[in-house]
Amino acid sequence: MRTVYWAENVIDAQLVKDALDAAEIPAFVVGAALTGAMGELPVMGLIEIKVPDSAEPAARVVVQRIDAWLKDERQEGFDGEVLPA
């Protein structure tokens, strides 16, 4: 298993996982349950998206696209627009 994305929060992790699922790439969210312990653990770097080794190259393409979209939305403010196909 390879980590292809470190999420800032559970919502971002689920968006990336859903994008990978839509591309028929098996993806797993790891560490989401740890966010409840934020008072005692570092807040960043807890949640990661993992894919099988063989799916890593295809997953990185999808992850780069969704990550760029998430960054744009954070800068401009989410307007409800759906990620383009």
N, C-alpha and C. Protein backbone atom coordinates (compact mmCIF):
# COMPACT_ATOMS: atom_id res chain seq x y z
N MET A 1 0.85 -1.18 0.00
CA MET A 1 0.00 0.00 0.00
C MET A 1 0.89 1.24 0.00
N ARG A 2 0.45 2.23 -0.76
CA ARG A 2 1.19 3.48 -0.87
C ARG A 2 0.30 4.65 -0.46
N THR A 3 0.86 5.58 0.26
CA THR A 3 0.14 6.81 0.60
C THR A 3 0.24 7.75 -0.59
N VAL A 4 -0.93 8.21 -1.06
CA VAL A 4 -0.95 9.14 -2.20
C VAL A 4 -1.47 10.52 -1.80
N TYR A 5 -1.98 10.64 -0.57
CA TYR A 5 -2.51 11.95 -0.16
C TYR A 5 -2.54 12.03 1.36
N TRP A 6 -2.09 13.17 1.89
CA TRP A 6 -2.24 13.50 3.30
C TRP A 6 -3.31 14.57 3.38
N ALA A 7 -4.41 14.27 4.03
CA ALA A 7 -5.55 15.19 4.07
C ALA A 7 -5.46 16.14 5.26
N GLU A 8 -5.97 17.35 5.04
CA GLU A 8 -6.04 18.33 6.13
C GLU A 8 -7.16 18.01 7.10
N ASN A 9 -8.19 17.32 6.59
CA ASN A 9 -9.33 17.00 7.44
C ASN A 9 -10.08 15.81 6.84
N VAL A 10 -11.07 15.32 7.58
CA VAL A 10 -11.82 14.14 7.16
C VAL A 10 -12.60 14.41 5.87
N ILE A 11 -13.10 15.62 5.71
CA ILE A 11 -13.89 15.96 4.52
C ILE A 11 -13.02 15.90 3.27
N ASP A 12 -11.83 16.49 3.32
CA ASP A 12 -10.92 16.41 2.17
C ASP A 12 -10.55 14.97 1.87
N ALA A 13 -10.32 14.19 2.91
CA ALA A 13 -9.98 12.77 2.71
C ALA A 13 -11.11 12.05 1.98
N GLN A 14 -12.33 12.32 2.38
CA GLN A 14 -13.46 11.64 1.74
C GLN A 14 -13.63 12.10 0.29
N LEU A 15 -13.40 13.38 0.01
CA LEU A 15 -13.47 13.87 -1.37
C LEU A 15 -12.45 13.16 -2.26
N VAL A 16 -11.24 13.02 -1.76
CA VAL A 16 -10.19 12.35 -2.53
C VAL A 16 -10.53 10.88 -2.70
N LYS A 17 -10.98 10.24 -1.64
CA LYS A 17 -11.36 8.83 -1.74
C LYS A 17 -12.49 8.64 -2.74
N ASP A 18 -13.49 9.51 -2.70
CA ASP A 18 -14.61 9.42 -3.66
C ASP A 18 -14.13 9.60 -5.10
N ALA A 19 -13.19 10.53 -5.32
CA ALA A 19 -12.65 10.74 -6.67
C ALA A 19 -11.91 9.50 -7.14
N LEU A 20 -11.15 8.89 -6.26
CA LEU A 20 -10.43 7.67 -6.62
C LEU A 20 -11.41 6.52 -6.88
N ASP A 21 -12.43 6.41 -6.04
CA ASP A 21 -13.45 5.38 -6.26
C ASP A 21 -14.13 5.56 -7.61
N ALA A 22 -14.43 6.81 -7.96
CA ALA A 22 -15.08 7.10 -9.24
C ALA A 22 -14.18 6.71 -10.42
N ALA A 23 -12.87 6.78 -10.21
CA ALA A 23 -11.91 6.37 -11.24
C ALA A 23 -11.61 4.87 -11.16
N GLU A 24 -12.38 4.17 -10.35
CA GLU A 24 -12.24 2.72 -10.15
C GLU A 24 -10.87 2.34 -9.61
N ILE A 25 -10.35 3.19 -8.72
CA ILE A 25 -9.09 2.93 -8.04
C ILE A 25 -9.42 2.66 -6.58
N PRO A 26 -9.11 1.49 -6.06
CA PRO A 26 -9.41 1.21 -4.66
C PRO A 26 -8.60 2.12 -3.75
N ALA A 27 -9.27 2.75 -2.81
CA ALA A 27 -8.61 3.69 -1.91
C ALA A 27 -9.10 3.48 -0.49
N PHE A 28 -8.23 3.75 0.46
CA PHE A 28 -8.53 3.53 1.86
C PHE A 28 -8.14 4.76 2.67
N VAL A 29 -9.03 5.21 3.55
CA VAL A 29 -8.75 6.33 4.44
C VAL A 29 -8.16 5.74 5.72
N VAL A 30 -7.00 6.23 6.10
CA VAL A 30 -6.32 5.74 7.30
C VAL A 30 -6.12 6.91 8.26
N GLY A 31 -6.48 6.73 9.51
CA GLY A 31 -6.23 7.74 10.53
C GLY A 31 -7.38 8.67 10.83
N ALA A 32 -8.51 8.52 10.15
CA ALA A 32 -9.63 9.44 10.38
C ALA A 32 -10.12 9.38 11.83
N ALA A 33 -10.07 8.21 12.43
CA ALA A 33 -10.55 8.07 13.81
C ALA A 33 -9.65 8.81 14.80
N LEU A 34 -8.43 9.13 14.41
CA LEU A 34 -7.51 9.83 15.30
C LEU A 34 -7.84 11.30 15.48
N THR A 35 -8.66 11.85 14.60
CA THR A 35 -8.95 13.29 14.69
C THR A 35 -9.70 13.65 15.96
N GLY A 36 -10.33 12.69 16.59
CA GLY A 36 -11.01 12.95 17.86
C GLY A 36 -10.04 13.21 19.00
N ALA A 37 -8.78 12.88 18.82
CA ALA A 37 -7.76 13.06 19.85
C ALA A 37 -6.92 14.30 19.60
N MET A 38 -7.45 15.27 18.84
CA MET A 38 -6.64 16.42 18.42
C MET A 38 -6.04 17.20 19.57
N GLY A 39 -6.60 17.14 20.75
CA GLY A 39 -6.03 17.88 21.86
C GLY A 39 -4.68 17.33 22.30
N GLU A 40 -4.42 16.06 21.99
CA GLU A 40 -3.20 15.43 22.44
C GLU A 40 -2.26 15.02 21.30
N LEU A 41 -2.73 15.05 20.07
CA LEU A 41 -1.91 14.66 18.92
C LEU A 41 -1.73 15.85 17.99
N PRO A 42 -0.66 15.84 17.18
CA PRO A 42 -0.53 16.92 16.20
C PRO A 42 -1.74 16.92 15.27
N VAL A 43 -2.25 18.09 14.95
CA VAL A 43 -3.47 18.19 14.15
C VAL A 43 -3.23 17.78 12.70
N MET A 44 -2.10 18.10 12.13
CA MET A 44 -1.83 17.81 10.73
C MET A 44 -1.17 16.44 10.57
N GLY A 45 -1.39 15.84 9.42
CA GLY A 45 -0.71 14.61 9.09
C GLY A 45 -1.30 13.35 9.68
N LEU A 46 -2.52 13.43 10.18
CA LEU A 46 -3.14 12.24 10.77
C LEU A 46 -3.86 11.39 9.74
N ILE A 47 -4.43 12.02 8.74
CA ILE A 47 -5.30 11.30 7.80
C ILE A 47 -4.59 11.15 6.46
N GLU A 48 -4.53 9.91 6.00
CA GLU A 48 -3.89 9.67 4.71
C GLU A 48 -4.77 8.77 3.86
N ILE A 49 -4.58 8.89 2.56
CA ILE A 49 -5.27 8.04 1.60
C ILE A 49 -4.24 7.08 1.04
N LYS A 50 -4.54 5.80 1.13
CA LYS A 50 -3.64 4.77 0.63
C LYS A 50 -4.30 4.01 -0.51
N VAL A 51 -3.47 3.58 -1.44
CA VAL A 51 -3.93 2.77 -2.58
C VAL A 51 -2.97 1.59 -2.73
N PRO A 52 -3.41 0.53 -3.41
CA PRO A 52 -2.48 -0.56 -3.69
C PRO A 52 -1.28 -0.07 -4.50
N ASP A 53 -0.14 -0.71 -4.32
CA ASP A 53 1.09 -0.30 -5.02
C ASP A 53 0.87 -0.16 -6.52
N SER A 54 0.17 -1.11 -7.10
CA SER A 54 -0.02 -1.12 -8.55
C SER A 54 -0.90 0.04 -9.04
N ALA A 55 -1.69 0.62 -8.16
CA ALA A 55 -2.60 1.71 -8.55
C ALA A 55 -2.00 3.09 -8.31
N GLU A 56 -0.79 3.14 -7.75
CA GLU A 56 -0.22 4.44 -7.38
C GLU A 56 -0.09 5.42 -8.55
N PRO A 57 0.45 5.04 -9.71
CA PRO A 57 0.59 6.03 -10.78
C PRO A 57 -0.75 6.64 -11.22
N ALA A 58 -1.76 5.82 -11.39
CA ALA A 58 -3.08 6.33 -11.79
C ALA A 58 -3.69 7.17 -10.67
N ALA A 59 -3.49 6.75 -9.44
CA ALA A 59 -4.05 7.48 -8.30
C ALA A 59 -3.42 8.86 -8.18
N ARG A 60 -2.14 8.97 -8.44
CA ARG A 60 -1.47 10.27 -8.32
C ARG A 60 -2.05 11.29 -9.31
N VAL A 61 -2.44 10.86 -10.49
CA VAL A 61 -3.05 11.75 -11.47
C VAL A 61 -4.37 12.30 -10.92
N VAL A 62 -5.20 11.42 -10.37
CA VAL A 62 -6.49 11.82 -9.82
C VAL A 62 -6.27 12.73 -8.61
N VAL A 63 -5.36 12.37 -7.75
CA VAL A 63 -5.09 13.14 -6.53
C VAL A 63 -4.59 14.54 -6.87
N GLN A 64 -3.70 14.66 -7.84
CA GLN A 64 -3.20 15.99 -8.22
C GLN A 64 -4.34 16.89 -8.69
N ARG A 65 -5.26 16.32 -9.44
CA ARG A 65 -6.38 17.08 -9.96
C ARG A 65 -7.32 17.54 -8.85
N ILE A 66 -7.70 16.63 -7.96
CA ILE A 66 -8.62 17.00 -6.88
C ILE A 66 -7.93 17.93 -5.88
N ASP A 67 -6.63 17.74 -5.63
CA ASP A 67 -5.90 18.61 -4.72
C ASP A 67 -5.83 20.03 -5.26
N ALA A 68 -5.58 20.17 -6.55
CA ALA A 68 -5.56 21.50 -7.17
C ALA A 68 -6.93 22.17 -7.05
N TRP A 69 -7.98 21.40 -7.27
CA TRP A 69 -9.34 21.94 -7.15
C TRP A 69 -9.61 22.38 -5.72
N LEU A 70 -9.22 21.58 -4.74
CA LEU A 70 -9.43 21.94 -3.33
C LEU A 70 -8.68 23.22 -2.98
N LYS A 71 -7.45 23.36 -3.45
CA LYS A 71 -6.67 24.57 -3.18
C LYS A 71 -7.33 25.80 -3.79
N ASP A 72 -7.82 25.68 -5.02
CA ASP A 72 -8.51 26.79 -5.67
C ASP A 72 -9.75 27.18 -4.88
N GLU A 73 -10.50 26.20 -4.44
CA GLU A 73 -11.74 26.49 -3.70
C GLU A 73 -11.44 27.17 -2.38
N ARG A 74 -10.35 26.79 -1.73
CA ARG A 74 -9.99 27.44 -0.46
C ARG A 74 -9.60 28.89 -0.68
N GLN A 75 -8.90 29.16 -1.77
CA GLN A 75 -8.46 30.53 -2.06
C GLN A 75 -9.62 31.41 -2.47
N GLU A 76 -10.52 30.88 -3.29
CA GLU A 76 -11.60 31.68 -3.85
C GLU A 76 -12.88 31.59 -3.03
N GLY A 77 -12.99 30.61 -2.16
CA GLY A 77 -14.22 30.39 -1.43
C GLY A 77 -15.13 29.48 -2.23
N PHE A 78 -15.60 28.42 -1.60
CA PHE A 78 -16.43 27.44 -2.30
C PHE A 78 -17.72 28.08 -2.76
N ASP A 79 -18.03 27.92 -4.05
CA ASP A 79 -19.24 28.53 -4.62
C ASP A 79 -20.29 27.49 -4.99
N GLY A 80 -20.07 26.24 -4.58
CA GLY A 80 -21.02 25.20 -4.90
C GLY A 80 -20.81 24.55 -6.25
N GLU A 81 -19.80 25.01 -6.99
CA GLU A 81 -19.51 24.46 -8.30
C GLU A 81 -19.00 23.02 -8.16
N VAL A 82 -19.45 22.18 -9.05
CA VAL A 82 -19.02 20.79 -9.04
C VAL A 82 -17.70 20.67 -9.77
N LEU A 83 -16.84 19.80 -9.28
CA LEU A 83 -15.56 19.56 -9.94
C LEU A 83 -15.79 19.14 -11.37
N PRO A 84 -15.17 19.82 -12.34
CA PRO A 84 -15.38 19.46 -13.74
C PRO A 84 -14.86 18.06 -14.04
N ALA A 85 -15.49 17.42 -15.00
CA ALA A 85 -15.10 16.04 -15.37
C ALA A 85 -13.83 16.03 -16.15
